[in-house]
Amino acid sequence: MNHQNSKPDDRSDNVEKLQDMVQNTIENIEESQETMSFASAEERQRIEDKNRRRQDSIDAMRSEIKDEASDRENGYK
């Protein structure tokens, strides 16, 4: 394999991609909360645990969005 022909790192749309990921994750949380009313206690606990992990991911993505936006403003140095 020739690694010299790899694509350059294109970060130009990372902020938008991350924002889409945040929105999708929020929608997943909302949808799962709707299904909780039909879930057993065990299923509800699994959903709550998963939603906590989703919220952690959202927090991490938002932090990355700030970093990417700052890097974009500074010309990706």
PDB file of N, CA and C in Angstrom:
ATOM      1  N   MET A   1       0.839  -1.194   0.000  1.00  0.00           N
ATOM      2  CA  MET A   1       0.000   0.000   0.000  1.00  0.00           C
ATOM      3  C   MET A   1       0.873   1.241   0.000  1.00  0.00           C
ATOM      4  N   ASN A   2       0.421   2.209  -0.729  1.00  0.00           N
ATOM      5  CA  ASN A   2       1.155   3.469  -0.787  1.00  0.00           C
ATOM      6  C   ASN A   2       0.393   4.506   0.016  1.00  0.00           C
ATOM      7  N   HIS A   3       0.923   4.861   1.176  1.00  0.00           N
ATOM      8  CA  HIS A   3       0.249   5.803   2.062  1.00  0.00           C
ATOM      9  C   HIS A   3       0.509   7.247   1.678  1.00  0.00           C
ATOM     10  N   GLN A   4       1.374   7.475   0.702  1.00  0.00           N
ATOM     11  CA  GLN A   4       1.668   8.847   0.297  1.00  0.00           C
ATOM     12  C   GLN A   4       0.497   9.484  -0.443  1.00  0.00           C
ATOM     13  N   ASN A   5      -0.407   8.680  -0.950  1.00  0.00           N
ATOM     14  CA  ASN A   5      -1.540   9.206  -1.702  1.00  0.00           C
ATOM     15  C   ASN A   5      -2.786   9.370  -0.846  1.00  0.00           C
ATOM     16  N   SER A   6      -2.644   9.332   0.490  1.00  0.00           N
ATOM     17  CA  SER A   6      -3.821   9.499   1.322  1.00  0.00           C
ATOM     18  C   SER A   6      -4.387  10.900   1.171  1.00  0.00           C
ATOM     19  N   LYS A   7      -5.673  10.961   1.427  1.00  0.00           N
ATOM     20  CA  LYS A   7      -6.355  12.245   1.302  1.00  0.00           C
ATOM     21  C   LYS A   7      -5.906  13.180   2.413  1.00  0.00           C
ATOM     22  N   PRO A   8      -5.765  14.452   2.100  1.00  0.00           N
ATOM     23  CA  PRO A   8      -5.433  15.409   3.163  1.00  0.00           C
ATOM     24  C   PRO A   8      -6.592  15.516   4.151  1.00  0.00           C
ATOM     25  N   ASP A   9      -6.285  15.902   5.362  1.00  0.00           N
ATOM     26  CA  ASP A   9      -7.297  16.046   6.403  1.00  0.00           C
ATOM     27  C   ASP A   9      -8.182  17.233   6.068  1.00  0.00           C
ATOM     28  N   ASP A  10      -9.434  16.954   5.709  1.00  0.00           N
ATOM     29  CA  ASP A  10     -10.379  18.022   5.369  1.00  0.00           C
ATOM     30  C   ASP A  10     -11.301  18.233   6.556  1.00  0.00           C
ATOM     31  N   ARG A  11     -11.063  19.296   7.285  1.00  0.00           N
ATOM     32  CA  ARG A  11     -11.858  19.583   8.480  1.00  0.00           C
ATOM     33  C   ARG A  11     -12.862  20.698   8.215  1.00  0.00           C
ATOM     34  N   SER A  12     -13.042  21.087   6.982  1.00  0.00           N
ATOM     35  CA  SER A  12     -13.852  22.269   6.674  1.00  0.00           C
ATOM     36  C   SER A  12     -15.304  22.149   7.104  1.00  0.00           C
ATOM     37  N   ASP A  13     -15.837  20.920   7.151  1.00  0.00           N
ATOM     38  CA  ASP A  13     -17.247  20.779   7.522  1.00  0.00           C
ATOM     39  C   ASP A  13     -17.438  20.015   8.836  1.00  0.00           C
ATOM     40  N   ASN A  14     -16.388  19.914   9.637  1.00  0.00           N
ATOM     41  CA  ASN A  14     -16.495  19.178  10.907  1.00  0.00           C
ATOM     42  C   ASN A  14     -17.532  19.777  11.842  1.00  0.00           C
ATOM     43  N   VAL A  15     -17.600  21.106  11.916  1.00  0.00           N
ATOM     44  CA  VAL A  15     -18.566  21.745  12.822  1.00  0.00           C
ATOM     45  C   VAL A  15     -19.984  21.336  12.430  1.00  0.00           C
ATOM     46  N   GLU A  16     -20.275  21.399  11.138  1.00  0.00           N
ATOM     47  CA  GLU A  16     -21.617  21.048  10.671  1.00  0.00           C
ATOM     48  C   GLU A  16     -21.923  19.571  10.917  1.00  0.00           C
ATOM     49  N   LYS A  17     -20.952  18.711  10.667  1.00  0.00           N
ATOM     50  CA  LYS A  17     -21.155  17.278  10.901  1.00  0.00           C
ATOM     51  C   LYS A  17     -21.420  17.014  12.379  1.00  0.00           C
ATOM     52  N   LEU A  18     -20.648  17.649  13.236  1.00  0.00           N
ATOM     53  CA  LEU A  18     -20.838  17.469  14.680  1.00  0.00           C
ATOM     54  C   LEU A  18     -22.199  17.996  15.123  1.00  0.00           C
ATOM     55  N   GLN A  19     -22.614  19.133  14.568  1.00  0.00           N
ATOM     56  CA  GLN A  19     -23.924  19.688  14.917  1.00  0.00           C
ATOM     57  C   GLN A  19     -25.038  18.730  14.504  1.00  0.00           C
ATOM     58  N   ASP A  20     -24.895  18.114  13.331  1.00  0.00           N
ATOM     59  CA  ASP A  20     -25.877  17.124  12.880  1.00  0.00           C
ATOM     60  C   ASP A  20     -25.905  15.927  13.835  1.00  0.00           C
ATOM     61  N   MET A  21     -24.721  15.493  14.268  1.00  0.00           N
ATOM     62  CA  MET A  21     -24.639  14.362  15.186  1.00  0.00           C
ATOM     63  C   MET A  21     -25.310  14.700  16.522  1.00  0.00           C
ATOM     64  N   VAL A  22     -25.102  15.912  17.010  1.00  0.00           N
ATOM     65  CA  VAL A  22     -25.748  16.343  18.254  1.00  0.00           C
ATOM     66  C   VAL A  22     -27.261  16.314  18.084  1.00  0.00           C
ATOM     67  N   GLN A  23     -27.747  16.873  16.983  1.00  0.00           N
ATOM     68  CA  GLN A  23     -29.189  16.920  16.745  1.00  0.00           C
ATOM     69  C   GLN A  23     -29.773  15.510  16.651  1.00  0.00           C
ATOM     70  N   ASN A  24     -29.086  14.624  15.947  1.00  0.00           N
ATOM     71  CA  ASN A  24     -29.568  13.244  15.823  1.00  0.00           C
ATOM     72  C   ASN A  24     -29.606  12.549  17.184  1.00  0.00           C
ATOM     73  N   THR A  25     -28.596  12.806  18.008  1.00  0.00           N
ATOM     74  CA  THR A  25     -28.549  12.187  19.329  1.00  0.00           C
ATOM     75  C   THR A  25     -29.670  12.710  20.210  1.00  0.00           C
ATOM     76  N   ILE A  26     -29.937  14.010  20.133  1.00  0.00           N
ATOM     77  CA  ILE A  26     -31.063  14.594  20.885  1.00  0.00           C
ATOM     78  C   ILE A  26     -32.371  13.945  20.444  1.00  0.00           C
ATOM     79  N   GLU A  27     -32.539  13.765  19.144  1.00  0.00           N
ATOM     80  CA  GLU A  27     -33.759  13.127  18.634  1.00  0.00           C
ATOM     81  C   GLU A  27     -33.870  11.692  19.144  1.00  0.00           C
ATOM     82  N   ASN A  28     -32.737  10.986  19.215  1.00  0.00           N
ATOM     83  CA  ASN A  28     -32.755   9.613  19.739  1.00  0.00           C
ATOM     84  C   ASN A  28     -33.187   9.590  21.202  1.00  0.00           C
ATOM     85  N   ILE A  29     -32.706  10.551  21.966  1.00  0.00           N
ATOM     86  CA  ILE A  29     -33.104  10.645  23.376  1.00  0.00           C
ATOM     87  C   ILE A  29     -34.607  10.882  23.472  1.00  0.00           C
ATOM     88  N   GLU A  30     -35.103  11.833  22.686  1.00  0.00           N
ATOM     89  CA  GLU A  30     -36.535  12.156  22.736  1.00  0.00           C
ATOM     90  C   GLU A  30     -37.384  10.953  22.338  1.00  0.00           C
ATOM     91  N   GLU A  31     -36.971  10.257  21.272  1.00  0.00           N
ATOM     92  CA  GLU A  31     -37.732   9.081  20.827  1.00  0.00           C
ATOM     93  C   GLU A  31     -37.715   7.980  21.880  1.00  0.00           C
ATOM     94  N   SER A  32     -36.569   7.787  22.510  1.00  0.00           N
ATOM     95  CA  SER A  32     -36.484   6.720  23.509  1.00  0.00           C
ATOM     96  C   SER A  32     -37.329   7.061  24.733  1.00  0.00           C
ATOM     97  N   GLN A  33     -37.428   8.342  25.069  1.00  0.00           N
ATOM     98  CA  GLN A  33     -38.254   8.735  26.213  1.00  0.00           C
ATOM     99  C   GLN A  33     -39.731   8.466  25.935  1.00  0.00           C
ATOM    100  N   GLU A  34     -40.129   8.608  24.672  1.00  0.00           N
ATOM    101  CA  GLU A  34     -41.509   8.309  24.306  1.00  0.00           C
ATOM    102  C   GLU A  34     -41.811   6.822  24.482  1.00  0.00           C
ATOM    103  N   THR A  35     -40.831   5.971  24.190  1.00  0.00           N
ATOM    104  CA  THR A  35     -41.063   4.525  24.294  1.00  0.00           C
ATOM    105  C   THR A  35     -40.997   4.038  25.736  1.00  0.00           C
ATOM    106  N   MET A  36     -40.461   4.843  26.636  1.00  0.00           N
ATOM    107  CA  MET A  36     -40.322   4.408  28.028  1.00  0.00           C
ATOM    108  C   MET A  36     -41.666   4.119  28.693  1.00  0.00           C
ATOM    109  N   SER A  37     -42.701   4.810  28.264  1.00  0.00           N
ATOM    110  CA  SER A  37     -44.002   4.584  28.892  1.00  0.00           C
ATOM    111  C   SER A  37     -44.542   3.188  28.597  1.00  0.00           C
ATOM    112  N   PHE A  38     -44.020   2.555  27.550  1.00  0.00           N
ATOM    113  CA  PHE A  38     -44.460   1.204  27.191  1.00  0.00           C
ATOM    114  C   PHE A  38     -43.470   0.141  27.639  1.00  0.00           C
ATOM    115  N   ALA A  39     -42.373   0.560  28.292  1.00  0.00           N
ATOM    116  CA  ALA A  39     -41.284  -0.360  28.616  1.00  0.00           C
ATOM    117  C   ALA A  39     -41.433  -0.927  30.027  1.00  0.00           C
ATOM    118  N   SER A  40     -40.847  -2.096  30.197  1.00  0.00           N
ATOM    119  CA  SER A  40     -40.794  -2.694  31.536  1.00  0.00           C
ATOM    120  C   SER A  40     -39.790  -1.907  32.376  1.00  0.00           C
ATOM    121  N   ALA A  41     -39.776  -2.166  33.666  1.00  0.00           N
ATOM    122  CA  ALA A  41     -38.837  -1.465  34.558  1.00  0.00           C
ATOM    123  C   ALA A  41     -37.391  -1.700  34.112  1.00  0.00           C
ATOM    124  N   GLU A  42     -37.088  -2.928  33.722  1.00  0.00           N
ATOM    125  CA  GLU A  42     -35.726  -3.252  33.279  1.00  0.00           C
ATOM    126  C   GLU A  42     -35.382  -2.511  31.991  1.00  0.00           C
ATOM    127  N   GLU A  43     -36.321  -2.490  31.045  1.00  0.00           N
ATOM    128  CA  GLU A  43     -36.088  -1.771  29.791  1.00  0.00           C
ATOM    129  C   GLU A  43     -35.946  -0.269  30.041  1.00  0.00           C
ATOM    130  N   ARG A  44     -36.760   0.257  30.944  1.00  0.00           N
ATOM    131  CA  ARG A  44     -36.671   1.687  31.288  1.00  0.00           C
ATOM    132  C   ARG A  44     -35.289   2.020  31.835  1.00  0.00           C
ATOM    133  N   GLN A  45     -34.761   1.150  32.681  1.00  0.00           N
ATOM    134  CA  GLN A  45     -33.434   1.378  33.250  1.00  0.00           C
ATOM    135  C   GLN A  45     -32.373   1.382  32.155  1.00  0.00           C
ATOM    136  N   ARG A  46     -32.494   0.443  31.207  1.00  0.00           N
ATOM    137  CA  ARG A  46     -31.537   0.395  30.091  1.00  0.00           C
ATOM    138  C   ARG A  46     -31.616   1.671  29.264  1.00  0.00           C
ATOM    139  N   ILE A  47     -32.838   2.132  29.004  1.00  0.00           N
ATOM    140  CA  ILE A  47     -33.024   3.356  28.222  1.00  0.00           C
ATOM    141  C   ILE A  47     -32.425   4.558  28.964  1.00  0.00           C
ATOM    142  N   GLU A  48     -32.683   4.634  30.267  1.00  0.00           N
ATOM    143  CA  GLU A  48     -32.134   5.747  31.053  1.00  0.00           C
ATOM    144  C   GLU A  48     -30.612   5.721  31.045  1.00  0.00           C
ATOM    145  N   ASP A  49     -30.028   4.533  31.181  1.00  0.00           N
ATOM    146  CA  ASP A  49     -28.567   4.409  31.144  1.00  0.00           C
ATOM    147  C   ASP A  49     -28.023   4.848  29.787  1.00  0.00           C
ATOM    148  N   LYS A  50     -28.695   4.399  28.738  1.00  0.00           N
ATOM    149  CA  LYS A  50     -28.251   4.748  27.391  1.00  0.00           C
ATOM    150  C   LYS A  50     -28.385   6.252  27.157  1.00  0.00           C
ATOM    151  N   ASN A  51     -29.466   6.839  27.655  1.00  0.00           N
ATOM    152  CA  ASN A  51     -29.646   8.279  27.481  1.00  0.00           C
ATOM    153  C   ASN A  51     -28.598   9.079  28.252  1.00  0.00           C
ATOM    154  N   ARG A  52     -28.159   8.562  29.393  1.00  0.00           N
ATOM    155  CA  ARG A  52     -27.062   9.231  30.118  1.00  0.00           C
ATOM    156  C   ARG A  52     -25.790   9.198  29.271  1.00  0.00           C
ATOM    157  N   ARG A  53     -25.521   8.061  28.660  1.00  0.00           N
ATOM    158  CA  ARG A  53     -24.339   7.961  27.789  1.00  0.00           C
ATOM    159  C   ARG A  53     -24.499   8.882  26.574  1.00  0.00           C
ATOM    160  N   ARG A  54     -25.710   8.951  26.051  1.00  0.00           N
ATOM    161  CA  ARG A  54     -25.956   9.856  24.928  1.00  0.00           C
ATOM    162  C   ARG A  54     -25.705  11.307  25.332  1.00  0.00           C
ATOM    163  N   GLN A  55     -26.149  11.680  26.535  1.00  0.00           N
ATOM    164  CA  GLN A  55     -25.936  13.045  27.010  1.00  0.00           C
ATOM    165  C   GLN A  55     -24.446  13.328  27.175  1.00  0.00           C
ATOM    166  N   ASP A  56     -23.701  12.356  27.673  1.00  0.00           N
ATOM    167  CA  ASP A  56     -22.242  12.512  27.776  1.00  0.00           C
ATOM    168  C   ASP A  56     -21.627  12.738  26.392  1.00  0.00           C
ATOM    169  N   SER A  57     -22.121  11.993  25.404  1.00  0.00           N
ATOM    170  CA  SER A  57     -21.626  12.157  24.032  1.00  0.00           C
ATOM    171  C   SER A  57     -21.946  13.545  23.497  1.00  0.00           C
ATOM    172  N   ILE A  58     -23.157  14.017  23.784  1.00  0.00           N
ATOM    173  CA  ILE A  58     -23.551  15.357  23.341  1.00  0.00           C
ATOM    174  C   ILE A  58     -22.619  16.397  23.954  1.00  0.00           C
ATOM    175  N   ASP A  59     -22.336  16.275  25.244  1.00  0.00           N
ATOM    176  CA  ASP A  59     -21.436  17.218  25.906  1.00  0.00           C
ATOM    177  C   ASP A  59     -20.056  17.198  25.253  1.00  0.00           C
ATOM    178  N   ALA A  60     -19.550  16.009  24.947  1.00  0.00           N
ATOM    179  CA  ALA A  60     -18.236  15.887  24.307  1.00  0.00           C
ATOM    180  C   ALA A  60     -18.265  16.484  22.898  1.00  0.00           C
ATOM    181  N   MET A  61     -19.337  16.228  22.150  1.00  0.00           N
ATOM    182  CA  MET A  61     -19.438  16.770  20.794  1.00  0.00           C
ATOM    183  C   MET A  61     -19.525  18.288  20.820  1.00  0.00           C
ATOM    184  N   ARG A  62     -20.264  18.836  21.773  1.00  0.00           N
ATOM    185  CA  ARG A  62     -20.367  20.294  21.877  1.00  0.00           C
ATOM    186  C   ARG A  62     -19.013  20.918  22.191  1.00  0.00           C
ATOM    187  N   SER A  63     -18.236  20.257  23.024  1.00  0.00           N
ATOM    188  CA  SER A  63     -16.889  20.730  23.326  1.00  0.00           C
ATOM    189  C   SER A  63     -16.026  20.685  22.065  1.00  0.00           C
ATOM    190  N   GLU A  64     -16.160  19.606  21.305  1.00  0.00           N
ATOM    191  CA  GLU A  64     -15.402  19.479  20.068  1.00  0.00           C
ATOM    192  C   GLU A  64     -15.844  20.522  19.046  1.00  0.00           C
ATOM    193  N   ILE A  65     -17.130  20.833  19.013  1.00  0.00           N
ATOM    194  CA  ILE A  65     -17.628  21.877  18.110  1.00  0.00           C
ATOM    195  C   ILE A  65     -16.942  23.205  18.431  1.00  0.00           C
ATOM    196  N   LYS A  66     -16.836  23.524  19.717  1.00  0.00           N
ATOM    197  CA  LYS A  66     -16.167  24.770  20.116  1.00  0.00           C
ATOM    198  C   LYS A  66     -14.717  24.772  19.653  1.00  0.00           C
ATOM    199  N   ASP A  67     -14.027  23.638  19.851  1.00  0.00           N
ATOM    200  CA  ASP A  67     -12.632  23.531  19.425  1.00  0.00           C
ATOM    201  C   ASP A  67     -12.505  23.684  17.916  1.00  0.00           C
ATOM    202  N   GLU A  68     -13.365  23.000  17.178  1.00  0.00           N
ATOM    203  CA  GLU A  68     -13.317  23.058  15.718  1.00  0.00           C
ATOM    204  C   GLU A  68     -13.629  24.470  15.215  1.00  0.00           C
ATOM    205  N   ALA A  69     -14.618  25.108  15.820  1.00  0.00           N
ATOM    206  CA  ALA A  69     -14.977  26.466  15.408  1.00  0.00           C
ATOM    207  C   ALA A  69     -13.813  27.417  15.670  1.00  0.00           C
ATOM    208  N   SER A  70     -13.161  27.253  16.797  1.00  0.00           N
ATOM    209  CA  SER A  70     -12.007  28.080  17.128  1.00  0.00           C
ATOM    210  C   SER A  70     -10.873  27.818  16.143  1.00  0.00           C
ATOM    211  N   ASP A  71     -10.622  26.546  15.847  1.00  0.00           N
ATOM    212  CA  ASP A  71      -9.585  26.205  14.872  1.00  0.00           C
ATOM    213  C   ASP A  71      -9.903  26.789  13.503  1.00  0.00           C
ATOM    214  N   ARG A  72     -11.181  26.752  13.130  1.00  0.00           N
ATOM    215  CA  ARG A  72     -11.581  27.285  11.831  1.00  0.00           C
ATOM    216  C   ARG A  72     -11.284  28.777  11.772  1.00  0.00           C
ATOM    217  N   GLU A  73     -11.633  29.479  12.854  1.00  0.00           N
ATOM    218  CA  GLU A  73     -11.386  30.928  12.900  1.00  0.00           C
ATOM    219  C   GLU A  73      -9.895  31.239  12.841  1.00  0.00           C
ATOM    220  N   ASN A  74      -9.082  30.322  13.362  1.00  0.00           N
ATOM    221  CA  ASN A  74      -7.639  30.545  13.386  1.00  0.00           C
ATOM    222  C   ASN A  74      -6.919  29.903  12.193  1.00  0.00           C
ATOM    223  N   GLY A  75      -7.676  29.447  11.240  1.00  0.00           N
ATOM    224  CA  GLY A  75      -7.087  28.916  10.003  1.00  0.00           C
ATOM    225  C   GLY A  75      -6.527  27.519  10.106  1.00  0.00           C
ATOM    226  N   TYR A  76      -7.005  26.691  11.031  1.00  0.00           N
ATOM    227  CA  TYR A  76      -6.556  25.290  11.172  1.00  0.00           C
ATOM    228  C   TYR A  76      -5.054  25.165  11.232  1.00  0.00           C
ATOM    229  N   LYS A  77      -4.431  25.911  12.107  1.00  0.00           N
ATOM    230  CA  LYS A  77      -2.959  25.862  12.207  1.00  0.00           C
ATOM    231  C   LYS A  77      -2.506  24.616  12.910  1.00  0.00           C
TER     232      LYS A  77
END
